[in-house]
Amino acid sequence: MSLLNKVDKLHNAKPWLGEIPLTSRYSAGIAGEKFFSTIRDEGRFLGTRCPKCELIYVPATMFCERCFTELEEWVDVASKGTLFTFTVLYKDLDEKPLEEPLILAYIKLNGSDGGLIHYVSGVDLDDLYIGMEVEAVFKDKKERKGSILDVVYFKPT
């Protein structure tokens, strides 16, 4: 299969037999590595602050997208935030019905100008609303691996 062939349905994916020849490794970058290792090791979020624009980026980044200043100041960001927008998923990637609907949301974290896309749980669909205050629920420390999945979901506060 060439790079131009697109697999848009999971059931169209084909197995690769044998070893996969890898010549490089993916890196989350300097900012991403620190962002995810702090989640893993400390169960909290960090952002980077632009000294010129005074924006606090979450997820953390190395350069300001507005003025291109290199960002060197790391700041604590709350694990609580506001539900900015959401969608309810009724089907999986293969378009099969889910047993229970999933809520996927953009959460703007308090004390930052950014936020995270993640699951929301612990709330009935009828009680869900834009502006709802939520907080992150982290996995137990010994189960964390340094990814966004170390956050199990966000729940209403």
Foldseek 3Di string as FASTA:
>chain_A
DDPPDDDQAPVPDDDDPDDDDDDDDDDPDPLLQVQLVCCLAPVFGKWFADPVVRATDPVHDQADPPPRDGTDDIDTFAQKFWFADKDWDQADSNRHGDPDIWIWTWTATPPHPGTDIFTEDDDDPVPDDGGFMWGWDADPSVPRDRDPVRGVHIYGD
